[in-house]
Amino acid sequence: MDLPGLEQRRAIFDIHLRRRKVSLPATEVADLAARTDGFSGAEIEQVLVAGQYTAFAADAALSTVILQAEIGATRPLSATMDSRFAALRQWAKGRAVMAG
């Protein structure tokens, strides 16, 4: 239990990009993963959903630049509810298996 680490976030991007039939270079996916520290898997998915809407509105393809802008416009719950996350982590010690 906890937020995904860097490698897990990269894998989440890979899964959701593949579902949308979008191919980005591995270095760009790694950059996106690094920019989403503190994001949950659902928040990462929403970055992609919002990016698709932005790309559609601009009559453009979904791109790293669009996704970077969506990441910048997103404030994850771990930032807005940091005290609740800290309390949940404290409660989970000894009660839950922590994610890698």
PDB file of N, CA and C in Angstrom:
ATOM      1  N   MET A   1       0.845  -1.168   0.000  1.00  0.00           N
ATOM      2  CA  MET A   1       0.000   0.000   0.000  1.00  0.00           C
ATOM      3  C   MET A   1       0.890   1.231   0.000  1.00  0.00           C
ATOM      4  N   ASP A   2       0.657   2.135  -0.822  1.00  0.00           N
ATOM      5  CA  ASP A   2       1.267   3.458  -0.910  1.00  0.00           C
ATOM      6  C   ASP A   2       1.219   3.899  -2.358  1.00  0.00           C
ATOM      7  N   LEU A   3       1.762   5.027  -2.607  1.00  0.00           N
ATOM      8  CA  LEU A   3       1.789   5.548  -3.971  1.00  0.00           C
ATOM      9  C   LEU A   3       2.838   4.800  -4.784  1.00  0.00           C
ATOM     10  N   PRO A   4       2.645   4.722  -6.094  1.00  0.00           N
ATOM     11  CA  PRO A   4       3.610   3.990  -6.923  1.00  0.00           C
ATOM     12  C   PRO A   4       4.957   4.708  -6.988  1.00  0.00           C
ATOM     13  N   GLY A   5       6.015   3.907  -7.007  1.00  0.00           N
ATOM     14  CA  GLY A   5       7.361   4.433  -7.178  1.00  0.00           C
ATOM     15  C   GLY A   5       7.627   4.735  -8.645  1.00  0.00           C
ATOM     16  N   LEU A   6       8.834   5.159  -8.934  1.00  0.00           N
ATOM     17  CA  LEU A   6       9.199   5.568 -10.282  1.00  0.00           C
ATOM     18  C   LEU A   6       8.944   4.473 -11.315  1.00  0.00           C
ATOM     19  N   GLU A   7       9.402   3.265 -11.060  1.00  0.00           N
ATOM     20  CA  GLU A   7       9.222   2.169 -12.024  1.00  0.00           C
ATOM     21  C   GLU A   7       7.754   1.787 -12.173  1.00  0.00           C
ATOM     22  N   GLN A   8       7.003   1.839 -11.090  1.00  0.00           N
ATOM     23  CA  GLN A   8       5.580   1.540 -11.178  1.00  0.00           C
ATOM     24  C   GLN A   8       4.851   2.611 -11.994  1.00  0.00           C
ATOM     25  N   ARG A   9       5.239   3.879 -11.816  1.00  0.00           N
ATOM     26  CA  ARG A   9       4.611   4.956 -12.596  1.00  0.00           C
ATOM     27  C   ARG A   9       4.940   4.801 -14.074  1.00  0.00           C
ATOM     28  N   ARG A  10       6.165   4.418 -14.394  1.00  0.00           N
ATOM     29  CA  ARG A  10       6.545   4.188 -15.792  1.00  0.00           C
ATOM     30  C   ARG A  10       5.680   3.079 -16.381  1.00  0.00           C
ATOM     31  N   ALA A  11       5.489   2.005 -15.621  1.00  0.00           N
ATOM     32  CA  ALA A  11       4.661   0.890 -16.084  1.00  0.00           C
ATOM     33  C   ALA A  11       3.206   1.324 -16.262  1.00  0.00           C
ATOM     34  N   ILE A  12       2.711   2.175 -15.378  1.00  0.00           N
ATOM     35  CA  ILE A  12       1.336   2.675 -15.500  1.00  0.00           C
ATOM     36  C   ILE A  12       1.195   3.493 -16.779  1.00  0.00           C
ATOM     37  N   PHE A  13       2.169   4.350 -17.058  1.00  0.00           N
ATOM     38  CA  PHE A  13       2.144   5.098 -18.321  1.00  0.00           C
ATOM     39  C   PHE A  13       2.158   4.138 -19.501  1.00  0.00           C
ATOM     40  N   ASP A  14       3.028   3.142 -19.457  1.00  0.00           N
ATOM     41  CA  ASP A  14       3.108   2.167 -20.561  1.00  0.00           C
ATOM     42  C   ASP A  14       1.757   1.500 -20.811  1.00  0.00           C
ATOM     43  N   ILE A  15       1.107   1.074 -19.751  1.00  0.00           N
ATOM     44  CA  ILE A  15      -0.191   0.393 -19.869  1.00  0.00           C
ATOM     45  C   ILE A  15      -1.223   1.310 -20.513  1.00  0.00           C
ATOM     46  N   HIS A  16      -1.331   2.530 -20.009  1.00  0.00           N
ATOM     47  CA  HIS A  16      -2.375   3.426 -20.504  1.00  0.00           C
ATOM     48  C   HIS A  16      -2.054   3.983 -21.887  1.00  0.00           C
ATOM     49  N   LEU A  17      -0.801   4.159 -22.212  1.00  0.00           N
ATOM     50  CA  LEU A  17      -0.436   4.569 -23.573  1.00  0.00           C
ATOM     51  C   LEU A  17      -0.755   3.455 -24.567  1.00  0.00           C
ATOM     52  N   ARG A  18      -0.428   2.235 -24.195  1.00  0.00           N
ATOM     53  CA  ARG A  18      -0.703   1.085 -25.067  1.00  0.00           C
ATOM     54  C   ARG A  18      -2.211   0.934 -25.299  1.00  0.00           C
ATOM     55  N   ARG A  19      -3.008   1.116 -24.237  1.00  0.00           N
ATOM     56  CA  ARG A  19      -4.471   1.025 -24.369  1.00  0.00           C
ATOM     57  C   ARG A  19      -5.010   2.050 -25.364  1.00  0.00           C
ATOM     58  N   ARG A  20      -4.323   3.179 -25.449  1.00  0.00           N
ATOM     59  CA  ARG A  20      -4.750   4.253 -26.344  1.00  0.00           C
ATOM     60  C   ARG A  20      -4.014   4.209 -27.682  1.00  0.00           C
ATOM     61  N   LYS A  21      -3.214   3.162 -27.853  1.00  0.00           N
ATOM     62  CA  LYS A  21      -2.451   2.975 -29.091  1.00  0.00           C
ATOM     63  C   LYS A  21      -1.558   4.171 -29.397  1.00  0.00           C
ATOM     64  N   VAL A  22      -0.912   4.685 -28.327  1.00  0.00           N
ATOM     65  CA  VAL A  22       0.029   5.806 -28.448  1.00  0.00           C
ATOM     66  C   VAL A  22       1.413   5.271 -28.140  1.00  0.00           C
ATOM     67  N   SER A  23       2.354   5.586 -29.006  1.00  0.00           N
ATOM     68  CA  SER A  23       3.730   5.143 -28.819  1.00  0.00           C
ATOM     69  C   SER A  23       4.624   6.356 -28.572  1.00  0.00           C
ATOM     70  N   LEU A  24       5.303   6.350 -27.443  1.00  0.00           N
ATOM     71  CA  LEU A  24       6.271   7.391 -27.119  1.00  0.00           C
ATOM     72  C   LEU A  24       7.612   6.737 -26.846  1.00  0.00           C
ATOM     73  N   PRO A  25       8.711   7.427 -27.140  1.00  0.00           N
ATOM     74  CA  PRO A  25      10.027   6.868 -26.826  1.00  0.00           C
ATOM     75  C   PRO A  25      10.164   6.581 -25.325  1.00  0.00           C
ATOM     76  N   ALA A  26      10.904   5.536 -25.010  1.00  0.00           N
ATOM     77  CA  ALA A  26      11.088   5.130 -23.605  1.00  0.00           C
ATOM     78  C   ALA A  26      11.650   6.267 -22.762  1.00  0.00           C
ATOM     79  N   THR A  27      12.521   7.084 -23.332  1.00  0.00           N
ATOM     80  CA  THR A  27      13.093   8.207 -22.564  1.00  0.00           C
ATOM     81  C   THR A  27      12.020   9.223 -22.197  1.00  0.00           C
ATOM     82  N   GLU A  28      11.053   9.421 -23.090  1.00  0.00           N
ATOM     83  CA  GLU A  28       9.976  10.369 -22.796  1.00  0.00           C
ATOM     84  C   GLU A  28       9.013   9.811 -21.752  1.00  0.00           C
ATOM     85  N   VAL A  29       8.754   8.521 -21.815  1.00  0.00           N
ATOM     86  CA  VAL A  29       7.903   7.882 -20.797  1.00  0.00           C
ATOM     87  C   VAL A  29       8.597   7.960 -19.438  1.00  0.00           C
ATOM     88  N   ALA A  30       9.905   7.742 -19.421  1.00  0.00           N
ATOM     89  CA  ALA A  30      10.667   7.840 -18.166  1.00  0.00           C
ATOM     90  C   ALA A  30      10.585   9.258 -17.606  1.00  0.00           C
ATOM     91  N   ASP A  31      10.638  10.265 -18.487  1.00  0.00           N
ATOM     92  CA  ASP A  31      10.523  11.656 -18.045  1.00  0.00           C
ATOM     93  C   ASP A  31       9.146  11.921 -17.445  1.00  0.00           C
ATOM     94  N   LEU A  32       8.100  11.427 -18.103  1.00  0.00           N
ATOM     95  CA  LEU A  32       6.743  11.600 -17.581  1.00  0.00           C
ATOM     96  C   LEU A  32       6.604  10.939 -16.210  1.00  0.00           C
ATOM     97  N   ALA A  33       7.166   9.745 -16.072  1.00  0.00           N
ATOM     98  CA  ALA A  33       7.115   9.033 -14.789  1.00  0.00           C
ATOM     99  C   ALA A  33       7.825   9.835 -13.705  1.00  0.00           C
ATOM    100  N   ALA A  34       8.963  10.428 -14.038  1.00  0.00           N
ATOM    101  CA  ALA A  34       9.717  11.220 -13.061  1.00  0.00           C
ATOM    102  C   ALA A  34       8.941  12.469 -12.638  1.00  0.00           C
ATOM    103  N   ARG A  35       8.181  13.037 -13.563  1.00  0.00           N
ATOM    104  CA  ARG A  35       7.412  14.255 -13.274  1.00  0.00           C
ATOM    105  C   ARG A  35       6.169  13.991 -12.426  1.00  0.00           C
ATOM    106  N   THR A  36       5.786  12.730 -12.278  1.00  0.00           N
ATOM    107  CA  THR A  36       4.542  12.408 -11.562  1.00  0.00           C
ATOM    108  C   THR A  36       4.787  11.815 -10.175  1.00  0.00           C
ATOM    109  N   ASP A  37       5.885  12.187  -9.561  1.00  0.00           N
ATOM    110  CA  ASP A  37       6.136  11.744  -8.189  1.00  0.00           C
ATOM    111  C   ASP A  37       4.984  12.230  -7.311  1.00  0.00           C
ATOM    112  N   GLY A  38       4.412  11.340  -6.527  1.00  0.00           N
ATOM    113  CA  GLY A  38       3.291  11.685  -5.662  1.00  0.00           C
ATOM    114  C   GLY A  38       1.928  11.461  -6.300  1.00  0.00           C
ATOM    115  N   PHE A  39       1.894  11.035  -7.569  1.00  0.00           N
ATOM    116  CA  PHE A  39       0.635  10.757  -8.252  1.00  0.00           C
ATOM    117  C   PHE A  39       0.222   9.304  -8.014  1.00  0.00           C
ATOM    118  N   SER A  40      -1.060   9.085  -7.899  1.00  0.00           N
ATOM    119  CA  SER A  40      -1.583   7.719  -7.833  1.00  0.00           C
ATOM    120  C   SER A  40      -1.735   7.199  -9.256  1.00  0.00           C
ATOM    121  N   GLY A  41      -1.976   5.913  -9.399  1.00  0.00           N
ATOM    122  CA  GLY A  41      -2.206   5.339 -10.717  1.00  0.00           C
ATOM    123  C   GLY A  41      -3.416   5.970 -11.397  1.00  0.00           C
ATOM    124  N   ALA A  42      -4.471   6.230 -10.634  1.00  0.00           N
ATOM    125  CA  ALA A  42      -5.672   6.857 -11.196  1.00  0.00           C
ATOM    126  C   ALA A  42      -5.380   8.275 -11.667  1.00  0.00           C
ATOM    127  N   GLU A  43      -4.545   8.991 -10.937  1.00  0.00           N
ATOM    128  CA  GLU A  43      -4.197  10.356 -11.343  1.00  0.00           C
ATOM    129  C   GLU A  43      -3.356  10.346 -12.622  1.00  0.00           C
ATOM    130  N   ILE A  44      -2.489   9.365 -12.758  1.00  0.00           N
ATOM    131  CA  ILE A  44      -1.716   9.229 -13.988  1.00  0.00           C
ATOM    132  C   ILE A  44      -2.651   8.937 -15.155  1.00  0.00           C
ATOM    133  N   GLU A  45      -3.598   8.043 -14.943  1.00  0.00           N
ATOM    134  CA  GLU A  45      -4.566   7.753 -16.005  1.00  0.00           C
ATOM    135  C   GLU A  45      -5.336   9.019 -16.389  1.00  0.00           C
ATOM    136  N   GLN A  46      -5.721   9.822 -15.420  1.00  0.00           N
ATOM    137  CA  GLN A  46      -6.459  11.045 -15.713  1.00  0.00           C
ATOM    138  C   GLN A  46      -5.615  12.061 -16.482  1.00  0.00           C
ATOM    139  N   VAL A  47      -4.312  12.074 -16.248  1.00  0.00           N
ATOM    140  CA  VAL A  47      -3.417  12.920 -17.047  1.00  0.00           C
ATOM    141  C   VAL A  47      -3.546  12.538 -18.520  1.00  0.00           C
ATOM    142  N   LEU A  48      -3.579  11.243 -18.781  1.00  0.00           N
ATOM    143  CA  LEU A  48      -3.714  10.774 -20.164  1.00  0.00           C
ATOM    144  C   LEU A  48      -5.093  11.094 -20.737  1.00  0.00           C
ATOM    145  N   VAL A  49      -6.138  10.939 -19.952  1.00  0.00           N
ATOM    146  CA  VAL A  49      -7.491  11.256 -20.411  1.00  0.00           C
ATOM    147  C   VAL A  49      -7.575  12.755 -20.734  1.00  0.00           C
ATOM    148  N   ALA A  50      -7.111  13.587 -19.826  1.00  0.00           N
ATOM    149  CA  ALA A  50      -7.137  15.035 -20.064  1.00  0.00           C
ATOM    150  C   ALA A  50      -6.282  15.397 -21.274  1.00  0.00           C
ATOM    151  N   GLY A  51      -5.152  14.726 -21.416  1.00  0.00           N
ATOM    152  CA  GLY A  51      -4.295  14.967 -22.571  1.00  0.00           C
ATOM    153  C   GLY A  51      -4.983  14.625 -23.873  1.00  0.00           C
ATOM    154  N   GLN A  52      -5.757  13.561 -23.866  1.00  0.00           N
ATOM    155  CA  GLN A  52      -6.501  13.193 -25.076  1.00  0.00           C
ATOM    156  C   GLN A  52      -7.519  14.270 -25.438  1.00  0.00           C
ATOM    157  N   TYR A  53      -8.224  14.798 -24.456  1.00  0.00           N
ATOM    158  CA  TYR A  53      -9.184  15.871 -24.720  1.00  0.00           C
ATOM    159  C   TYR A  53      -8.470  17.112 -25.256  1.00  0.00           C
ATOM    160  N   THR A  54      -7.347  17.456 -24.644  1.00  0.00           N
ATOM    161  CA  THR A  54      -6.575  18.615 -25.099  1.00  0.00           C
ATOM    162  C   THR A  54      -6.103  18.421 -26.536  1.00  0.00           C
ATOM    163  N   ALA A  55      -5.582  17.244 -26.830  1.00  0.00           N
ATOM    164  CA  ALA A  55      -5.106  16.951 -28.180  1.00  0.00           C
ATOM    165  C   ALA A  55      -6.259  17.014 -29.175  1.00  0.00           C
ATOM    166  N   PHE A  56      -7.398  16.443 -28.809  1.00  0.00           N
ATOM    167  CA  PHE A  56      -8.555  16.450 -29.704  1.00  0.00           C
ATOM    168  C   PHE A  56      -9.004  17.883 -29.987  1.00  0.00           C
ATOM    169  N   ALA A  57      -9.075  18.706 -28.933  1.00  0.00           N
ATOM    170  CA  ALA A  57      -9.512  20.097 -29.090  1.00  0.00           C
ATOM    171  C   ALA A  57      -8.561  20.888 -29.983  1.00  0.00           C
ATOM    172  N   ALA A  58      -7.282  20.532 -29.957  1.00  0.00           N
ATOM    173  CA  ALA A  58      -6.275  21.217 -30.771  1.00  0.00           C
ATOM    174  C   ALA A  58      -6.089  20.555 -32.131  1.00  0.00           C
ATOM    175  N   ASP A  59      -6.873  19.519 -32.400  1.00  0.00           N
ATOM    176  CA  ASP A  59      -6.740  18.737 -33.636  1.00  0.00           C
ATOM    177  C   ASP A  59      -5.287  18.273 -33.819  1.00  0.00           C
ATOM    178  N   ALA A  60      -4.743  17.727 -32.739  1.00  0.00           N
ATOM    179  CA  ALA A  60      -3.348  17.284 -32.715  1.00  0.00           C
ATOM    180  C   ALA A  60      -3.279  15.872 -32.147  1.00  0.00           C
ATOM    181  N   ALA A  61      -2.138  15.262 -32.296  1.00  0.00           N
ATOM    182  CA  ALA A  61      -1.893  13.943 -31.700  1.00  0.00           C
ATOM    183  C   ALA A  61      -1.484  14.121 -30.235  1.00  0.00           C
ATOM    184  N   LEU A  62      -1.836  13.148 -29.421  1.00  0.00           N
ATOM    185  CA  LEU A  62      -1.399  13.145 -28.034  1.00  0.00           C
ATOM    186  C   LEU A  62       0.120  13.088 -28.021  1.00  0.00           C
ATOM    187  N   SER A  63       0.755  13.979 -27.297  1.00  0.00           N
ATOM    188  CA  SER A  63       2.218  14.067 -27.302  1.00  0.00           C
ATOM    189  C   SER A  63       2.764  14.246 -25.891  1.00  0.00           C
ATOM    190  N   THR A  64       4.053  14.093 -25.779  1.00  0.00           N
ATOM    191  CA  THR A  64       4.731  14.299 -24.500  1.00  0.00           C
ATOM    192  C   THR A  64       4.532  15.727 -24.020  1.00  0.00           C
ATOM    193  N   VAL A  65       4.582  16.693 -24.928  1.00  0.00           N
ATOM    194  CA  VAL A  65       4.407  18.099 -24.549  1.00  0.00           C
ATOM    195  C   VAL A  65       3.025  18.313 -23.931  1.00  0.00           C
ATOM    196  N   ILE A  66       2.002  17.749 -24.534  1.00  0.00           N
ATOM    197  CA  ILE A  66       0.643  17.864 -23.993  1.00  0.00           C
ATOM    198  C   ILE A  66       0.569  17.196 -22.626  1.00  0.00           C
ATOM    199  N   LEU A  67       1.143  16.007 -22.503  1.00  0.00           N
ATOM    200  CA  LEU A  67       1.101  15.296 -21.220  1.00  0.00           C
ATOM    201  C   LEU A  67       1.882  16.046 -20.140  1.00  0.00           C
ATOM    202  N   GLN A  68       3.007  16.640 -20.499  1.00  0.00           N
ATOM    203  CA  GLN A  68       3.767  17.434 -19.523  1.00  0.00           C
ATOM    204  C   GLN A  68       2.932  18.614 -19.026  1.00  0.00           C
ATOM    205  N   ALA A  69       2.197  19.249 -19.935  1.00  0.00           N
ATOM    206  CA  ALA A  69       1.338  20.370 -19.539  1.00  0.00           C
ATOM    207  C   ALA A  69       0.223  19.898 -18.600  1.00  0.00           C
ATOM    208  N   GLU A  70      -0.351  18.736 -18.898  1.00  0.00           N
ATOM    209  CA  GLU A  70      -1.408  18.192 -18.034  1.00  0.00           C
ATOM    210  C   GLU A  70      -0.860  17.836 -16.655  1.00  0.00           C
ATOM    211  N   ILE A  71       0.343  17.296 -16.616  1.00  0.00           N
ATOM    212  CA  ILE A  71       0.974  16.991 -15.327  1.00  0.00           C
ATOM    213  C   ILE A  71       1.174  18.272 -14.531  1.00  0.00           C
ATOM    214  N   GLY A  72       1.649  19.313 -15.204  1.00  0.00           N
ATOM    215  CA  GLY A  72       1.866  20.595 -14.538  1.00  0.00           C
ATOM    216  C   GLY A  72       0.588  21.228 -14.015  1.00  0.00           C
ATOM    217  N   ALA A  73      -0.527  20.926 -14.669  1.00  0.00           N
ATOM    218  CA  ALA A  73      -1.816  21.488 -14.264  1.00  0.00           C
ATOM    219  C   ALA A  73      -2.511  20.649 -13.193  1.00  0.00           C
ATOM    220  N   THR A  74      -1.937  19.521 -12.838  1.00  0.00           N
ATOM    221  CA  THR A  74      -2.553  18.594 -11.892  1.00  0.00           C
ATOM    222  C   THR A  74      -1.855  18.675 -10.541  1.00  0.00           C
ATOM    223  N   ARG A  75      -2.634  18.843  -9.507  1.00  0.00           N
ATOM    224  CA  ARG A  75      -2.099  18.797  -8.144  1.00  0.00           C
ATOM    225  C   ARG A  75      -2.615  17.504  -7.522  1.00  0.00           C
ATOM    226  N   PRO A  76      -1.720  16.535  -7.313  1.00  0.00           N
ATOM    227  CA  PRO A  76      -2.187  15.235  -6.819  1.00  0.00           C
ATOM    228  C   PRO A  76      -2.726  15.307  -5.385  1.00  0.00           C
ATOM    229  N   LEU A  77      -3.570  14.343  -5.068  1.00  0.00           N
ATOM    230  CA  LEU A  77      -4.128  14.281  -3.709  1.00  0.00           C
ATOM    231  C   LEU A  77      -3.042  14.178  -2.649  1.00  0.00           C
ATOM    232  N   SER A  78      -1.916  13.548  -2.985  1.00  0.00           N
ATOM    233  CA  SER A  78      -0.841  13.429  -2.000  1.00  0.00           C
ATOM    234  C   SER A  78      -0.297  14.794  -1.605  1.00  0.00           C
ATOM    235  N   ALA A  79      -0.492  15.808  -2.455  1.00  0.00           N
ATOM    236  CA  ALA A  79      -0.069  17.168  -2.125  1.00  0.00           C
ATOM    237  C   ALA A  79      -1.185  17.940  -1.430  1.00  0.00           C
ATOM    238  N   THR A  80      -2.417  17.742  -1.868  1.00  0.00           N
ATOM    239  CA  THR A  80      -3.525  18.502  -1.284  1.00  0.00           C
ATOM    240  C   THR A  80      -4.022  17.905   0.032  1.00  0.00           C
ATOM    241  N   MET A  81      -3.758  16.620   0.220  1.00  0.00           N
ATOM    242  CA  MET A  81      -4.213  15.944   1.439  1.00  0.00           C
ATOM    243  C   MET A  81      -3.031  15.266   2.131  1.00  0.00           C
ATOM    244  N   ASP A  82      -1.901  15.953   2.180  1.00  0.00           N
ATOM    245  CA  ASP A  82      -0.684  15.341   2.692  1.00  0.00           C
ATOM    246  C   ASP A  82      -0.798  14.868   4.134  1.00  0.00           C
ATOM    247  N   SER A  83      -1.547  15.576   4.980  1.00  0.00           N
ATOM    248  CA  SER A  83      -1.676  15.141   6.376  1.00  0.00           C
ATOM    249  C   SER A  83      -2.472  13.842   6.468  1.00  0.00           C
ATOM    250  N   ARG A  84      -3.462  13.661   5.606  1.00  0.00           N
ATOM    251  CA  ARG A  84      -4.226  12.406   5.604  1.00  0.00           C
ATOM    252  C   ARG A  84      -3.369  11.249   5.102  1.00  0.00           C
ATOM    253  N   PHE A  85      -2.532  11.527   4.100  1.00  0.00           N
ATOM    254  CA  PHE A  85      -1.632  10.487   3.609  1.00  0.00           C
ATOM    255  C   PHE A  85      -0.642  10.078   4.697  1.00  0.00           C
ATOM    256  N   ALA A  86      -0.120  11.047   5.429  1.00  0.00           N
ATOM    257  CA  ALA A  86       0.815  10.746   6.515  1.00  0.00           C
ATOM    258  C   ALA A  86       0.134   9.897   7.583  1.00  0.00           C
ATOM    259  N   ALA A  87      -1.105  10.237   7.927  1.00  0.00           N
ATOM    260  CA  ALA A  87      -1.841   9.467   8.930  1.00  0.00           C
ATOM    261  C   ALA A  87      -2.112   8.052   8.438  1.00  0.00           C
ATOM    262  N   LEU A  88      -2.462   7.909   7.176  1.00  0.00           N
ATOM    263  CA  LEU A  88      -2.723   6.583   6.611  1.00  0.00           C
ATOM    264  C   LEU A  88      -1.449   5.739   6.587  1.00  0.00           C
ATOM    265  N   ARG A  89      -0.335   6.357   6.229  1.00  0.00           N
ATOM    266  CA  ARG A  89       0.943   5.622   6.239  1.00  0.00           C
ATOM    267  C   ARG A  89       1.292   5.159   7.651  1.00  0.00           C
ATOM    268  N   GLN A  90       1.067   6.022   8.630  1.00  0.00           N
ATOM    269  CA  GLN A  90       1.349   5.665  10.021  1.00  0.00           C
ATOM    270  C   GLN A  90       0.459   4.511  10.466  1.00  0.00           C
ATOM    271  N   TRP A  91      -0.824   4.591  10.116  1.00  0.00           N
ATOM    272  CA  TRP A  91      -1.754   3.523  10.470  1.00  0.00           C
ATOM    273  C   TRP A  91      -1.348   2.213   9.813  1.00  0.00           C
ATOM    274  N   ALA A  92      -0.872   2.258   8.575  1.00  0.00           N
ATOM    275  CA  ALA A  92      -0.551   1.052   7.805  1.00  0.00           C
ATOM    276  C   ALA A  92       0.695   0.324   8.310  1.00  0.00           C
ATOM    277  N   LYS A  93       1.584   1.033   9.009  1.00  0.00           N
ATOM    278  CA  LYS A  93       2.803   0.375   9.507  1.00  0.00           C
ATOM    279  C   LYS A  93       2.417  -0.813  10.378  1.00  0.00           C
ATOM    280  N   GLY A  94       2.867  -1.981   9.976  1.00  0.00           N
ATOM    281  CA  GLY A  94       2.586  -3.191  10.725  1.00  0.00           C
ATOM    282  C   GLY A  94       1.223  -3.809  10.425  1.00  0.00           C
ATOM    283  N   ARG A  95       0.395  -3.115   9.670  1.00  0.00           N
ATOM    284  CA  ARG A  95      -0.935  -3.634   9.352  1.00  0.00           C
ATOM    285  C   ARG A  95      -1.102  -4.004   7.874  1.00  0.00           C
ATOM    286  N   ALA A  96      -0.252  -3.440   7.026  1.00  0.00           N
ATOM    287  CA  ALA A  96      -0.392  -3.643   5.588  1.00  0.00           C
ATOM    288  C   ALA A  96       0.983  -3.876   4.962  1.00  0.00           C
ATOM    289  N   VAL A  97       0.965  -4.462   3.799  1.00  0.00           N
ATOM    290  CA  VAL A  97       2.205  -4.673   3.048  1.00  0.00           C
ATOM    291  C   VAL A  97       2.428  -3.418   2.200  1.00  0.00           C
ATOM    292  N   MET A  98       3.583  -2.801   2.343  1.00  0.00           N
ATOM    293  CA  MET A  98       3.875  -1.589   1.615  1.00  0.00           C
ATOM    294  C   MET A  98       4.247  -1.925   0.168  1.00  0.00           C
ATOM    295  N   ALA A  99       3.807  -1.081  -0.744  1.00  0.00           N
ATOM    296  CA  ALA A  99       4.134  -1.274  -2.164  1.00  0.00           C
ATOM    297  C   ALA A  99       5.616  -0.977  -2.368  1.00  0.00           C
ATOM    298  N   GLY A 100       6.183  -1.633  -3.390  1.00  0.00           N
ATOM    299  CA  GLY A 100       7.610  -1.499  -3.676  1.00  0.00           C
ATOM    300  C   GLY A 100       7.917  -0.247  -4.341  1.00  0.00           C
TER     301      GLY A 100
END
